[in-house]
Amino acid sequence: MYRGGEQLDYSGTYYYIDDLYLGHCDSLPDTTIGLHENVLKNKLKLYPNPVGEQFYLDYSGQEQLQFRLYNLMGQKVEAAVQQEGNRYRFSSGHLPKGVYLLRIVGREGRAAFRVVRK
């Protein structure tokens, strides 16, 4: 190979990948939408949305749920949660205006809600 009158020597071994197959990969996000998510989501009701100082999540099931709130940059955001029977009250007055993602995990699956802070 030549460049500007000088010879360039690229000796060595070159590998070219024509096809790529991925098997099981733990680093991919687990945001599969399927039957389990619908089972849990059908038992949940989030209101009001857009939210103000607080919002509620009613749950018609019996199991314990875990909650995670994320901003649009994917950063976990803290929100105080109080359980009152089958109703969860989230404090959101400290959150800046914007869009958030509330992820809910339970034995019956996972669900996600888009939460708008006005």
PDB file of N, CA and C in Angstrom:
ATOM      1  N   MET A   1       0.841  -1.158   0.000  1.00  0.00           N
ATOM      2  CA  MET A   1       0.000   0.000   0.000  1.00  0.00           C
ATOM      3  C   MET A   1       0.898   1.236   0.000  1.00  0.00           C
ATOM      4  N   TYR A   2       0.482   2.239  -0.735  1.00  0.00           N
ATOM      5  CA  TYR A   2       1.266   3.470  -0.843  1.00  0.00           C
ATOM      6  C   TYR A   2       0.461   4.653  -0.349  1.00  0.00           C
ATOM      7  N   ARG A   3       1.160   5.596   0.266  1.00  0.00           N
ATOM      8  CA  ARG A   3       0.524   6.836   0.672  1.00  0.00           C
ATOM      9  C   ARG A   3       1.559   7.937   0.523  1.00  0.00           C
ATOM     10  N   GLY A   4       1.258   8.913  -0.304  1.00  0.00           N
ATOM     11  CA  GLY A   4       2.137  10.065  -0.476  1.00  0.00           C
ATOM     12  C   GLY A   4       3.562   9.703  -0.844  1.00  0.00           C
ATOM     13  N   GLY A   5       3.737   8.709  -1.684  1.00  0.00           N
ATOM     14  CA  GLY A   5       5.067   8.336  -2.134  1.00  0.00           C
ATOM     15  C   GLY A   5       5.808   7.402  -1.203  1.00  0.00           C
ATOM     16  N   GLU A   6       5.244   7.071  -0.033  1.00  0.00           N
ATOM     17  CA  GLU A   6       5.934   6.132   0.841  1.00  0.00           C
ATOM     18  C   GLU A   6       5.141   4.839   0.936  1.00  0.00           C
ATOM     19  N   GLN A   7       5.847   3.779   1.110  1.00  0.00           N
ATOM     20  CA  GLN A   7       5.199   2.479   1.190  1.00  0.00           C
ATOM     21  C   GLN A   7       4.836   2.192   2.647  1.00  0.00           C
ATOM     22  N   LEU A   8       3.597   1.791   2.838  1.00  0.00           N
ATOM     23  CA  LEU A   8       3.124   1.415   4.169  1.00  0.00           C
ATOM     24  C   LEU A   8       2.953  -0.092   4.208  1.00  0.00           C
ATOM     25  N   ASP A   9       3.485  -0.712   5.208  1.00  0.00           N
ATOM     26  CA  ASP A   9       3.397  -2.162   5.318  1.00  0.00           C
ATOM     27  C   ASP A   9       2.483  -2.506   6.486  1.00  0.00           C
ATOM     28  N   TYR A  10       1.391  -3.137   6.186  1.00  0.00           N
ATOM     29  CA  TYR A  10       0.465  -3.588   7.217  1.00  0.00           C
ATOM     30  C   TYR A  10       0.532  -5.108   7.282  1.00  0.00           C
ATOM     31  N   SER A  11       1.523  -5.603   7.931  1.00  0.00           N
ATOM     32  CA  SER A  11       1.647  -7.052   8.048  1.00  0.00           C
ATOM     33  C   SER A  11       0.975  -7.491   9.340  1.00  0.00           C
ATOM     34  N   GLY A  12       0.434  -8.651   9.329  1.00  0.00           N
ATOM     35  CA  GLY A  12      -0.236  -9.181  10.501  1.00  0.00           C
ATOM     36  C   GLY A  12      -1.442  -9.991  10.087  1.00  0.00           C
ATOM     37  N   THR A  13      -2.215 -10.381  11.037  1.00  0.00           N
ATOM     38  CA  THR A  13      -3.406 -11.180  10.785  1.00  0.00           C
ATOM     39  C   THR A  13      -4.632 -10.295  10.954  1.00  0.00           C
ATOM     40  N   TYR A  14      -5.527 -10.358  10.011  1.00  0.00           N
ATOM     41  CA  TYR A  14      -6.754  -9.573  10.042  1.00  0.00           C
ATOM     42  C   TYR A  14      -7.945 -10.510  10.130  1.00  0.00           C
ATOM     43  N   TYR A  15      -8.915 -10.137  10.937  1.00  0.00           N
ATOM     44  CA  TYR A  15     -10.139 -10.910  11.072  1.00  0.00           C
ATOM     45  C   TYR A  15     -11.309 -10.016  10.695  1.00  0.00           C
ATOM     46  N   TYR A  16     -12.180 -10.551   9.876  1.00  0.00           N
ATOM     47  CA  TYR A  16     -13.378  -9.827   9.475  1.00  0.00           C
ATOM     48  C   TYR A  16     -14.594 -10.619   9.945  1.00  0.00           C
ATOM     49  N   ILE A  17     -15.510  -9.950  10.613  1.00  0.00           N
ATOM     50  CA  ILE A  17     -16.714 -10.613  11.095  1.00  0.00           C
ATOM     51  C   ILE A  17     -17.835 -10.296  10.123  1.00  0.00           C
ATOM     52  N   ASP A  18     -18.359 -11.359   9.529  1.00  0.00           N
ATOM     53  CA  ASP A  18     -19.440 -11.191   8.572  1.00  0.00           C
ATOM     54  C   ASP A  18     -20.792 -11.373   9.259  1.00  0.00           C
ATOM     55  N   ASP A  19     -20.905 -12.331  10.141  1.00  0.00           N
ATOM     56  CA  ASP A  19     -22.134 -12.599  10.880  1.00  0.00           C
ATOM     57  C   ASP A  19     -21.822 -12.561  12.361  1.00  0.00           C
ATOM     58  N   LEU A  20     -22.804 -12.144  13.138  1.00  0.00           N
ATOM     59  CA  LEU A  20     -22.626 -12.077  14.579  1.00  0.00           C
ATOM     60  C   LEU A  20     -23.827 -12.727  15.236  1.00  0.00           C
ATOM     61  N   TYR A  21     -23.582 -13.670  16.109  1.00  0.00           N
ATOM     62  CA  TYR A  21     -24.644 -14.357  16.827  1.00  0.00           C
ATOM     63  C   TYR A  21     -24.453 -14.129  18.315  1.00  0.00           C
ATOM     64  N   LEU A  22     -25.511 -13.705  18.980  1.00  0.00           N
ATOM     65  CA  LEU A  22     -25.483 -13.546  20.428  1.00  0.00           C
ATOM     66  C   LEU A  22     -26.402 -14.578  21.042  1.00  0.00           C
ATOM     67  N   GLY A  23     -25.873 -15.322  21.958  1.00  0.00           N
ATOM     68  CA  GLY A  23     -26.691 -16.261  22.718  1.00  0.00           C
ATOM     69  C   GLY A  23     -27.207 -15.559  23.950  1.00  0.00           C
ATOM     70  N   HIS A  24     -27.133 -16.209  25.069  1.00  0.00           N
ATOM     71  CA  HIS A  24     -27.568 -15.622  26.337  1.00  0.00           C
ATOM     72  C   HIS A  24     -26.606 -14.522  26.742  1.00  0.00           C
ATOM     73  N   CYS A  25     -27.137 -13.361  27.036  1.00  0.00           N
ATOM     74  CA  CYS A  25     -26.299 -12.214  27.394  1.00  0.00           C
ATOM     75  C   CYS A  25     -26.938 -11.511  28.579  1.00  0.00           C
ATOM     76  N   ASP A  26     -26.269 -11.533  29.737  1.00  0.00           N
ATOM     77  CA  ASP A  26     -26.827 -10.942  30.947  1.00  0.00           C
ATOM     78  C   ASP A  26     -26.820  -9.425  30.943  1.00  0.00           C
ATOM     79  N   SER A  27     -26.083  -8.806  30.031  1.00  0.00           N
ATOM     80  CA  SER A  27     -25.962  -7.355  30.078  1.00  0.00           C
ATOM     81  C   SER A  27     -27.069  -6.632  29.316  1.00  0.00           C
ATOM     82  N   LEU A  28     -27.942  -7.359  28.653  1.00  0.00           N
ATOM     83  CA  LEU A  28     -29.038  -6.711  27.936  1.00  0.00           C
ATOM     84  C   LEU A  28     -30.136  -6.334  28.927  1.00  0.00           C
ATOM     85  N   PRO A  29     -30.832  -5.226  28.705  1.00  0.00           N
ATOM     86  CA  PRO A  29     -31.881  -4.811  29.642  1.00  0.00           C
ATOM     87  C   PRO A  29     -33.031  -5.807  29.655  1.00  0.00           C
ATOM     88  N   ASP A  30     -33.637  -5.984  30.802  1.00  0.00           N
ATOM     89  CA  ASP A  30     -34.733  -6.937  30.939  1.00  0.00           C
ATOM     90  C   ASP A  30     -36.082  -6.223  30.858  1.00  0.00           C
ATOM     91  N   THR A  31     -36.334  -5.605  29.733  1.00  0.00           N
ATOM     92  CA  THR A  31     -37.576  -4.858  29.547  1.00  0.00           C
ATOM     93  C   THR A  31     -38.527  -5.602  28.622  1.00  0.00           C
ATOM     94  N   THR A  32     -38.566  -6.913  28.764  1.00  0.00           N
ATOM     95  CA  THR A  32     -39.443  -7.713  27.937  1.00  0.00           C
ATOM     96  C   THR A  32     -40.893  -7.432  28.310  1.00  0.00           C
ATOM     97  N   ILE A  33     -41.689  -7.213  27.313  1.00  0.00           N
ATOM     98  CA  ILE A  33     -43.114  -7.013  27.550  1.00  0.00           C
ATOM     99  C   ILE A  33     -43.787  -8.331  27.226  1.00  0.00           C
ATOM    100  N   GLY A  34     -44.495  -8.870  28.182  1.00  0.00           N
ATOM    101  CA  GLY A  34     -45.114 -10.161  27.958  1.00  0.00           C
ATOM    102  C   GLY A  34     -46.301 -10.357  28.870  1.00  0.00           C
ATOM    103  N   LEU A  35     -46.717 -11.574  28.981  1.00  0.00           N
ATOM    104  CA  LEU A  35     -47.891 -11.919  29.749  1.00  0.00           C
ATOM    105  C   LEU A  35     -47.738 -11.564  31.221  1.00  0.00           C
ATOM    106  N   HIS A  36     -46.543 -11.808  31.804  1.00  0.00           N
ATOM    107  CA  HIS A  36     -46.352 -11.521  33.224  1.00  0.00           C
ATOM    108  C   HIS A  36     -46.510 -10.030  33.519  1.00  0.00           C
ATOM    109  N   GLU A  37     -46.003  -9.181  32.640  1.00  0.00           N
ATOM    110  CA  GLU A  37     -46.133  -7.745  32.873  1.00  0.00           C
ATOM    111  C   GLU A  37     -47.597  -7.335  32.836  1.00  0.00           C
ATOM    112  N   ASN A  38     -48.350  -7.880  31.899  1.00  0.00           N
ATOM    113  CA  ASN A  38     -49.755  -7.512  31.789  1.00  0.00           C
ATOM    114  C   ASN A  38     -50.552  -7.965  33.002  1.00  0.00           C
ATOM    115  N   VAL A  39     -50.212  -9.126  33.570  1.00  0.00           N
ATOM    116  CA  VAL A  39     -50.916  -9.614  34.756  1.00  0.00           C
ATOM    117  C   VAL A  39     -50.752  -8.621  35.896  1.00  0.00           C
ATOM    118  N   LEU A  40     -49.523  -8.175  36.152  1.00  0.00           N
ATOM    119  CA  LEU A  40     -49.287  -7.224  37.232  1.00  0.00           C
ATOM    120  C   LEU A  40     -49.881  -5.858  36.901  1.00  0.00           C
ATOM    121  N   LYS A  41     -49.657  -5.377  35.688  1.00  0.00           N
ATOM    122  CA  LYS A  41     -50.114  -4.030  35.334  1.00  0.00           C
ATOM    123  C   LYS A  41     -51.636  -3.915  35.389  1.00  0.00           C
ATOM    124  N   ASN A  42     -52.332  -5.002  35.091  1.00  0.00           N
ATOM    125  CA  ASN A  42     -53.797  -4.974  35.155  1.00  0.00           C
ATOM    126  C   ASN A  42     -54.314  -4.825  36.579  1.00  0.00           C
ATOM    127  N   LYS A  43     -53.462  -5.068  37.573  1.00  0.00           N
ATOM    128  CA  LYS A  43     -53.858  -4.931  38.976  1.00  0.00           C
ATOM    129  C   LYS A  43     -53.430  -3.594  39.570  1.00  0.00           C
ATOM    130  N   LEU A  44     -52.883  -2.721  38.749  1.00  0.00           N
ATOM    131  CA  LEU A  44     -52.354  -1.439  39.228  1.00  0.00           C
ATOM    132  C   LEU A  44     -53.105  -0.271  38.603  1.00  0.00           C
ATOM    133  N   LYS A  45     -53.270   0.782  39.388  1.00  0.00           N
ATOM    134  CA  LYS A  45     -53.857   2.024  38.868  1.00  0.00           C
ATOM    135  C   LYS A  45     -53.084   3.188  39.467  1.00  0.00           C
ATOM    136  N   LEU A  46     -52.464   3.997  38.621  1.00  0.00           N
ATOM    137  CA  LEU A  46     -51.687   5.159  39.058  1.00  0.00           C
ATOM    138  C   LEU A  46     -52.489   6.427  38.775  1.00  0.00           C
ATOM    139  N   TYR A  47     -52.572   7.311  39.751  1.00  0.00           N
ATOM    140  CA  TYR A  47     -53.319   8.567  39.587  1.00  0.00           C
ATOM    141  C   TYR A  47     -52.847   9.585  40.602  1.00  0.00           C
ATOM    142  N   PRO A  48     -53.064  10.873  40.433  1.00  0.00           N
ATOM    143  CA  PRO A  48     -53.329  11.515  39.136  1.00  0.00           C
ATOM    144  C   PRO A  48     -52.046  11.529  38.305  1.00  0.00           C
ATOM    145  N   ASN A  49     -52.189  11.686  37.056  1.00  0.00           N
ATOM    146  CA  ASN A  49     -51.028  11.778  36.171  1.00  0.00           C
ATOM    147  C   ASN A  49     -51.403  12.713  35.038  1.00  0.00           C
ATOM    148  N   PRO A  50     -50.844  13.897  34.961  1.00  0.00           N
ATOM    149  CA  PRO A  50     -49.650  14.437  35.607  1.00  0.00           C
ATOM    150  C   PRO A  50     -49.824  14.568  37.122  1.00  0.00           C
ATOM    151  N   VAL A  51     -48.692  14.457  37.821  1.00  0.00           N
ATOM    152  CA  VAL A  51     -48.694  14.468  39.281  1.00  0.00           C
ATOM    153  C   VAL A  51     -48.279  15.831  39.802  1.00  0.00           C
ATOM    154  N   GLY A  52     -48.684  16.102  41.034  1.00  0.00           N
ATOM    155  CA  GLY A  52     -48.290  17.333  41.717  1.00  0.00           C
ATOM    156  C   GLY A  52     -47.362  17.003  42.871  1.00  0.00           C
ATOM    157  N   GLU A  53     -47.800  17.319  44.094  1.00  0.00           N
ATOM    158  CA  GLU A  53     -46.999  17.070  45.296  1.00  0.00           C
ATOM    159  C   GLU A  53     -46.922  15.588  45.653  1.00  0.00           C
ATOM    160  N   GLN A  54     -47.934  14.826  45.247  1.00  0.00           N
ATOM    161  CA  GLN A  54     -47.944  13.394  45.523  1.00  0.00           C
ATOM    162  C   GLN A  54     -48.816  12.684  44.498  1.00  0.00           C
ATOM    163  N   PHE A  55     -48.603  11.372  44.392  1.00  0.00           N
ATOM    164  CA  PHE A  55     -49.459  10.563  43.535  1.00  0.00           C
ATOM    165  C   PHE A  55     -49.666   9.215  44.205  1.00  0.00           C
ATOM    166  N   TYR A  56     -50.650   8.475  43.702  1.00  0.00           N
ATOM    167  CA  TYR A  56     -51.061   7.231  44.334  1.00  0.00           C
ATOM    168  C   TYR A  56     -50.990   6.079  43.345  1.00  0.00           C
ATOM    169  N   LEU A  57     -50.788   4.897  43.908  1.00  0.00           N
ATOM    170  CA  LEU A  57     -50.821   3.666  43.130  1.00  0.00           C
ATOM    171  C   LEU A  57     -51.690   2.681  43.900  1.00  0.00           C
ATOM    172  N   ASP A  58     -52.826   2.313  43.311  1.00  0.00           N
ATOM    173  CA  ASP A  58     -53.695   1.306  43.912  1.00  0.00           C
ATOM    174  C   ASP A  58     -53.317  -0.053  43.346  1.00  0.00           C
ATOM    175  N   TYR A  59     -53.284  -1.052  44.220  1.00  0.00           N
ATOM    176  CA  TYR A  59     -52.890  -2.406  43.828  1.00  0.00           C
ATOM    177  C   TYR A  59     -53.934  -3.387  44.337  1.00  0.00           C
ATOM    178  N   SER A  60     -54.518  -4.169  43.440  1.00  0.00           N
ATOM    179  CA  SER A  60     -55.572  -5.105  43.831  1.00  0.00           C
ATOM    180  C   SER A  60     -55.035  -6.491  44.179  1.00  0.00           C
ATOM    181  N   GLY A  61     -53.727  -6.670  44.216  1.00  0.00           N
ATOM    182  CA  GLY A  61     -53.132  -7.954  44.587  1.00  0.00           C
ATOM    183  C   GLY A  61     -52.747  -7.987  46.055  1.00  0.00           C
ATOM    184  N   GLN A  62     -52.077  -9.069  46.449  1.00  0.00           N
ATOM    185  CA  GLN A  62     -51.727  -9.276  47.850  1.00  0.00           C
ATOM    186  C   GLN A  62     -50.226  -9.254  48.126  1.00  0.00           C
ATOM    187  N   GLU A  63     -49.407  -9.402  47.121  1.00  0.00           N
ATOM    188  CA  GLU A  63     -47.966  -9.533  47.358  1.00  0.00           C
ATOM    189  C   GLU A  63     -47.284  -8.186  47.597  1.00  0.00           C
ATOM    190  N   GLN A  64     -46.098  -8.255  48.146  1.00  0.00           N
ATOM    191  CA  GLN A  64     -45.285  -7.056  48.378  1.00  0.00           C
ATOM    192  C   GLN A  64     -44.662  -6.609  47.056  1.00  0.00           C
ATOM    193  N   LEU A  65     -44.633  -5.325  46.802  1.00  0.00           N
ATOM    194  CA  LEU A  65     -44.081  -4.774  45.566  1.00  0.00           C
ATOM    195  C   LEU A  65     -42.824  -3.972  45.862  1.00  0.00           C
ATOM    196  N   GLN A  66     -41.951  -3.896  44.864  1.00  0.00           N
ATOM    197  CA  GLN A  66     -40.761  -3.046  44.930  1.00  0.00           C
ATOM    198  C   GLN A  66     -40.908  -1.964  43.874  1.00  0.00           C
ATOM    199  N   PHE A  67     -40.467  -0.757  44.223  1.00  0.00           N
ATOM    200  CA  PHE A  67     -40.613   0.382  43.323  1.00  0.00           C
ATOM    201  C   PHE A  67     -39.259   1.010  43.050  1.00  0.00           C
ATOM    202  N   ARG A  68     -39.082   1.460  41.814  1.00  0.00           N
ATOM    203  CA  ARG A  68     -37.903   2.239  41.439  1.00  0.00           C
ATOM    204  C   ARG A  68     -38.374   3.356  40.521  1.00  0.00           C
ATOM    205  N   LEU A  69     -37.928   4.572  40.815  1.00  0.00           N
ATOM    206  CA  LEU A  69     -38.298   5.738  40.018  1.00  0.00           C
ATOM    207  C   LEU A  69     -37.047   6.259  39.331  1.00  0.00           C
ATOM    208  N   TYR A  70     -37.127   6.456  38.006  1.00  0.00           N
ATOM    209  CA  TYR A  70     -35.989   6.907  37.211  1.00  0.00           C
ATOM    210  C   TYR A  70     -36.346   8.181  36.460  1.00  0.00           C
ATOM    211  N   ASN A  71     -35.352   9.056  36.279  1.00  0.00           N
ATOM    212  CA  ASN A  71     -35.555  10.204  35.397  1.00  0.00           C
ATOM    213  C   ASN A  71     -35.256   9.761  33.969  1.00  0.00           C
ATOM    214  N   LEU A  72     -35.397  10.663  33.011  1.00  0.00           N
ATOM    215  CA  LEU A  72     -35.207  10.288  31.608  1.00  0.00           C
ATOM    216  C   LEU A  72     -33.758  10.009  31.249  1.00  0.00           C
ATOM    217  N   MET A  73     -32.820  10.340  32.142  1.00  0.00           N
ATOM    218  CA  MET A  73     -31.416  10.010  31.904  1.00  0.00           C
ATOM    219  C   MET A  73     -31.071   8.642  32.477  1.00  0.00           C
ATOM    220  N   GLY A  74     -32.064   7.943  33.009  1.00  0.00           N
ATOM    221  CA  GLY A  74     -31.853   6.610  33.550  1.00  0.00           C
ATOM    222  C   GLY A  74     -31.306   6.588  34.961  1.00  0.00           C
ATOM    223  N   GLN A  75     -31.284   7.741  35.617  1.00  0.00           N
ATOM    224  CA  GLN A  75     -30.775   7.824  36.985  1.00  0.00           C
ATOM    225  C   GLN A  75     -31.901   7.543  37.974  1.00  0.00           C
ATOM    226  N   LYS A  76     -31.580   6.734  38.984  1.00  0.00           N
ATOM    227  CA  LYS A  76     -32.565   6.434  40.016  1.00  0.00           C
ATOM    228  C   LYS A  76     -32.826   7.683  40.845  1.00  0.00           C
ATOM    229  N   VAL A  77     -34.094   7.954  41.095  1.00  0.00           N
ATOM    230  CA  VAL A  77     -34.521   9.138  41.834  1.00  0.00           C
ATOM    231  C   VAL A  77     -35.218   8.661  43.110  1.00  0.00           C
ATOM    232  N   GLU A  78     -34.915   9.305  44.212  1.00  0.00           N
ATOM    233  CA  GLU A  78     -35.535   8.933  45.486  1.00  0.00           C
ATOM    234  C   GLU A  78     -36.939   9.530  45.592  1.00  0.00           C
ATOM    235  N   ALA A  79     -37.854   8.721  46.075  1.00  0.00           N
ATOM    236  CA  ALA A  79     -39.215   9.177  46.339  1.00  0.00           C
ATOM    237  C   ALA A  79     -39.732   8.407  47.549  1.00  0.00           C
ATOM    238  N   ALA A  80     -40.232   9.125  48.538  1.00  0.00           N
ATOM    239  CA  ALA A  80     -40.771   8.477  49.735  1.00  0.00           C
ATOM    240  C   ALA A  80     -42.091   7.796  49.393  1.00  0.00           C
ATOM    241  N   VAL A  81     -42.246   6.555  49.861  1.00  0.00           N
ATOM    242  CA  VAL A  81     -43.454   5.775  49.594  1.00  0.00           C
ATOM    243  C   VAL A  81     -44.045   5.335  50.927  1.00  0.00           C
ATOM    244  N   GLN A  82     -45.344   5.558  51.082  1.00  0.00           N
ATOM    245  CA  GLN A  82     -46.053   5.085  52.268  1.00  0.00           C
ATOM    246  C   GLN A  82     -47.159   4.150  51.826  1.00  0.00           C
ATOM    247  N   GLN A  83     -47.211   2.977  52.444  1.00  0.00           N
ATOM    248  CA  GLN A  83     -48.256   2.021  52.120  1.00  0.00           C
ATOM    249  C   GLN A  83     -49.428   2.210  53.064  1.00  0.00           C
ATOM    250  N   GLU A  84     -50.617   2.308  52.487  1.00  0.00           N
ATOM    251  CA  GLU A  84     -51.860   2.449  53.243  1.00  0.00           C
ATOM    252  C   GLU A  84     -52.813   1.373  52.743  1.00  0.00           C
ATOM    253  N   GLY A  85     -52.697   0.161  53.285  1.00  0.00           N
ATOM    254  CA  GLY A  85     -53.494  -0.961  52.784  1.00  0.00           C
ATOM    255  C   GLY A  85     -52.990  -1.369  51.414  1.00  0.00           C
ATOM    256  N   ASN A  86     -53.888  -1.333  50.432  1.00  0.00           N
ATOM    257  CA  ASN A  86     -53.506  -1.655  49.051  1.00  0.00           C
ATOM    258  C   ASN A  86     -53.218  -0.403  48.233  1.00  0.00           C
ATOM    259  N   ARG A  87     -53.017   0.703  48.899  1.00  0.00           N
ATOM    260  CA  ARG A  87     -52.698   1.965  48.228  1.00  0.00           C
ATOM    261  C   ARG A  87     -51.309   2.417  48.665  1.00  0.00           C
ATOM    262  N   TYR A  88     -50.536   2.857  47.688  1.00  0.00           N
ATOM    263  CA  TYR A  88     -49.204   3.402  47.956  1.00  0.00           C
ATOM    264  C   TYR A  88     -49.229   4.888  47.634  1.00  0.00           C
ATOM    265  N   ARG A  89     -48.699   5.692  48.554  1.00  0.00           N
ATOM    266  CA  ARG A  89     -48.638   7.143  48.345  1.00  0.00           C
ATOM    267  C   ARG A  89     -47.181   7.535  48.150  1.00  0.00           C
ATOM    268  N   PHE A  90     -46.913   8.184  47.018  1.00  0.00           N
ATOM    269  CA  PHE A  90     -45.567   8.625  46.659  1.00  0.00           C
ATOM    270  C   PHE A  90     -45.465  10.134  46.832  1.00  0.00           C
ATOM    271  N   SER A  91     -44.437  10.596  47.521  1.00  0.00           N
ATOM    272  CA  SER A  91     -44.169  12.035  47.623  1.00  0.00           C
ATOM    273  C   SER A  91     -43.367  12.459  46.403  1.00  0.00           C
ATOM    274  N   SER A  92     -43.880  13.442  45.677  1.00  0.00           N
ATOM    275  CA  SER A  92     -43.210  13.878  44.452  1.00  0.00           C
ATOM    276  C   SER A  92     -42.983  15.381  44.412  1.00  0.00           C
ATOM    277  N   GLY A  93     -43.269  16.082  45.505  1.00  0.00           N
ATOM    278  CA  GLY A  93     -43.112  17.534  45.528  1.00  0.00           C
ATOM    279  C   GLY A  93     -41.678  17.994  45.352  1.00  0.00           C
ATOM    280  N   HIS A  94     -40.711  17.166  45.711  1.00  0.00           N
ATOM    281  CA  HIS A  94     -39.294  17.531  45.603  1.00  0.00           C
ATOM    282  C   HIS A  94     -38.736  17.324  44.197  1.00  0.00           C
ATOM    283  N   LEU A  95     -39.489  16.658  43.337  1.00  0.00           N
ATOM    284  CA  LEU A  95     -38.994  16.341  41.994  1.00  0.00           C
ATOM    285  C   LEU A  95     -39.124  17.541  41.064  1.00  0.00           C
ATOM    286  N   PRO A  96     -38.108  17.798  40.250  1.00  0.00           N
ATOM    287  CA  PRO A  96     -38.242  18.836  39.227  1.00  0.00           C
ATOM    288  C   PRO A  96     -39.299  18.434  38.196  1.00  0.00           C
ATOM    289  N   LYS A  97     -39.879  19.417  37.550  1.00  0.00           N
ATOM    290  CA  LYS A  97     -40.848  19.131  36.494  1.00  0.00           C
ATOM    291  C   LYS A  97     -40.176  18.287  35.424  1.00  0.00           C
ATOM    292  N   GLY A  98     -40.913  17.320  34.904  1.00  0.00           N
ATOM    293  CA  GLY A  98     -40.361  16.461  33.864  1.00  0.00           C
ATOM    294  C   GLY A  98     -41.073  15.123  33.824  1.00  0.00           C
ATOM    295  N   VAL A  99     -40.484  14.203  33.078  1.00  0.00           N
ATOM    296  CA  VAL A  99     -41.051  12.871  32.881  1.00  0.00           C
ATOM    297  C   VAL A  99     -40.173  11.856  33.607  1.00  0.00           C
ATOM    298  N   TYR A 100     -40.814  10.920  34.277  1.00  0.00           N
ATOM    299  CA  TYR A 100     -40.131   9.886  35.047  1.00  0.00           C
ATOM    300  C   TYR A 100     -40.711   8.523  34.678  1.00  0.00           C
ATOM    301  N   LEU A 101     -39.970   7.485  35.003  1.00  0.00           N
ATOM    302  CA  LEU A 101     -40.426   6.122  34.774  1.00  0.00           C
ATOM    303  C   LEU A 101     -40.482   5.412  36.117  1.00  0.00           C
ATOM    304  N   LEU A 102     -41.665   4.940  36.484  1.00  0.00           N
ATOM    305  CA  LEU A 102     -41.845   4.177  37.714  1.00  0.00           C
ATOM    306  C   LEU A 102     -41.873   2.704  37.337  1.00  0.00           C
ATOM    307  N   ARG A 103     -40.867   1.958  37.795  1.00  0.00           N
ATOM    308  CA  ARG A 103     -40.800   0.512  37.539  1.00  0.00           C
ATOM    309  C   ARG A 103     -41.258  -0.209  38.791  1.00  0.00           C
ATOM    310  N   ILE A 104     -42.110  -1.187  38.586  1.00  0.00           N
ATOM    311  CA  ILE A 104     -42.694  -1.946  39.682  1.00  0.00           C
ATOM    312  C   ILE A 104     -42.367  -3.417  39.465  1.00  0.00           C
ATOM    313  N   VAL A 105     -41.851  -4.059  40.513  1.00  0.00           N
ATOM    314  CA  VAL A 105     -41.475  -5.466  40.431  1.00  0.00           C
ATOM    315  C   VAL A 105     -42.199  -6.221  41.534  1.00  0.00           C
ATOM    316  N   GLY A 106     -42.804  -7.331  41.152  1.00  0.00           N
ATOM    317  CA  GLY A 106     -43.478  -8.202  42.103  1.00  0.00           C
ATOM    318  C   GLY A 106     -43.353  -9.643  41.653  1.00  0.00           C
ATOM    319  N   ARG A 107     -43.884 -10.556  42.440  1.00  0.00           N
ATOM    320  CA  ARG A 107     -43.825 -11.972  42.081  1.00  0.00           C
ATOM    321  C   ARG A 107     -44.615 -12.264  40.812  1.00  0.00           C
ATOM    322  N   GLU A 108     -45.613 -11.465  40.524  1.00  0.00           N
ATOM    323  CA  GLU A 108     -46.455 -11.687  39.343  1.00  0.00           C
ATOM    324  C   GLU A 108     -45.873 -11.070  38.075  1.00  0.00           C
ATOM    325  N   GLY A 109     -44.733 -10.416  38.180  1.00  0.00           N
ATOM    326  CA  GLY A 109     -44.111  -9.832  36.999  1.00  0.00           C
ATOM    327  C   GLY A 109     -43.611  -8.431  37.259  1.00  0.00           C
ATOM    328  N   ARG A 110     -43.515  -7.682  36.173  1.00  0.00           N
ATOM    329  CA  ARG A 110     -43.015  -6.306  36.219  1.00  0.00           C
ATOM    330  C   ARG A 110     -43.963  -5.406  35.453  1.00  0.00           C
ATOM    331  N   ALA A 111     -43.940  -4.150  35.841  1.00  0.00           N
ATOM    332  CA  ALA A 111     -44.758  -3.160  35.141  1.00  0.00           C
ATOM    333  C   ALA A 111     -44.030  -1.828  35.191  1.00  0.00           C
ATOM    334  N   ALA A 112     -44.382  -0.950  34.291  1.00  0.00           N
ATOM    335  CA  ALA A 112     -43.774   0.382  34.254  1.00  0.00           C
ATOM    336  C   ALA A 112     -44.850   1.404  33.914  1.00  0.00           C
ATOM    337  N   PHE A 113     -44.732   2.563  34.548  1.00  0.00           N
ATOM    338  CA  PHE A 113     -45.638   3.677  34.283  1.00  0.00           C
ATOM    339  C   PHE A 113     -44.816   4.921  33.982  1.00  0.00           C
ATOM    340  N   ARG A 114     -45.265   5.668  33.017  1.00  0.00           N
ATOM    341  CA  ARG A 114     -44.685   6.977  32.721  1.00  0.00           C
ATOM    342  C   ARG A 114     -45.376   7.977  33.641  1.00  0.00           C
ATOM    343  N   VAL A 115     -44.582   8.690  34.426  1.00  0.00           N
ATOM    344  CA  VAL A 115     -45.113   9.651  35.394  1.00  0.00           C
ATOM    345  C   VAL A 115     -44.651  11.043  34.979  1.00  0.00           C
ATOM    346  N   VAL A 116     -45.595  11.961  34.834  1.00  0.00           N
ATOM    347  CA  VAL A 116     -45.277  13.331  34.431  1.00  0.00           C
ATOM    348  C   VAL A 116     -45.437  14.233  35.646  1.00  0.00           C
ATOM    349  N   ARG A 117     -44.363  14.917  36.022  1.00  0.00           N
ATOM    350  CA  ARG A 117     -44.394  15.880  37.143  1.00  0.00           C
ATOM    351  C   ARG A 117     -44.651  17.251  36.566  1.00  0.00           C
ATOM    352  N   LYS A 118     -45.786  17.873  36.950  1.00  0.00           N
ATOM    353  CA  LYS A 118     -46.136  19.192  36.405  1.00  0.00           C
ATOM    354  C   LYS A 118     -45.619  20.307  37.268  1.00  0.00           C
TER     355      LYS A 118
END
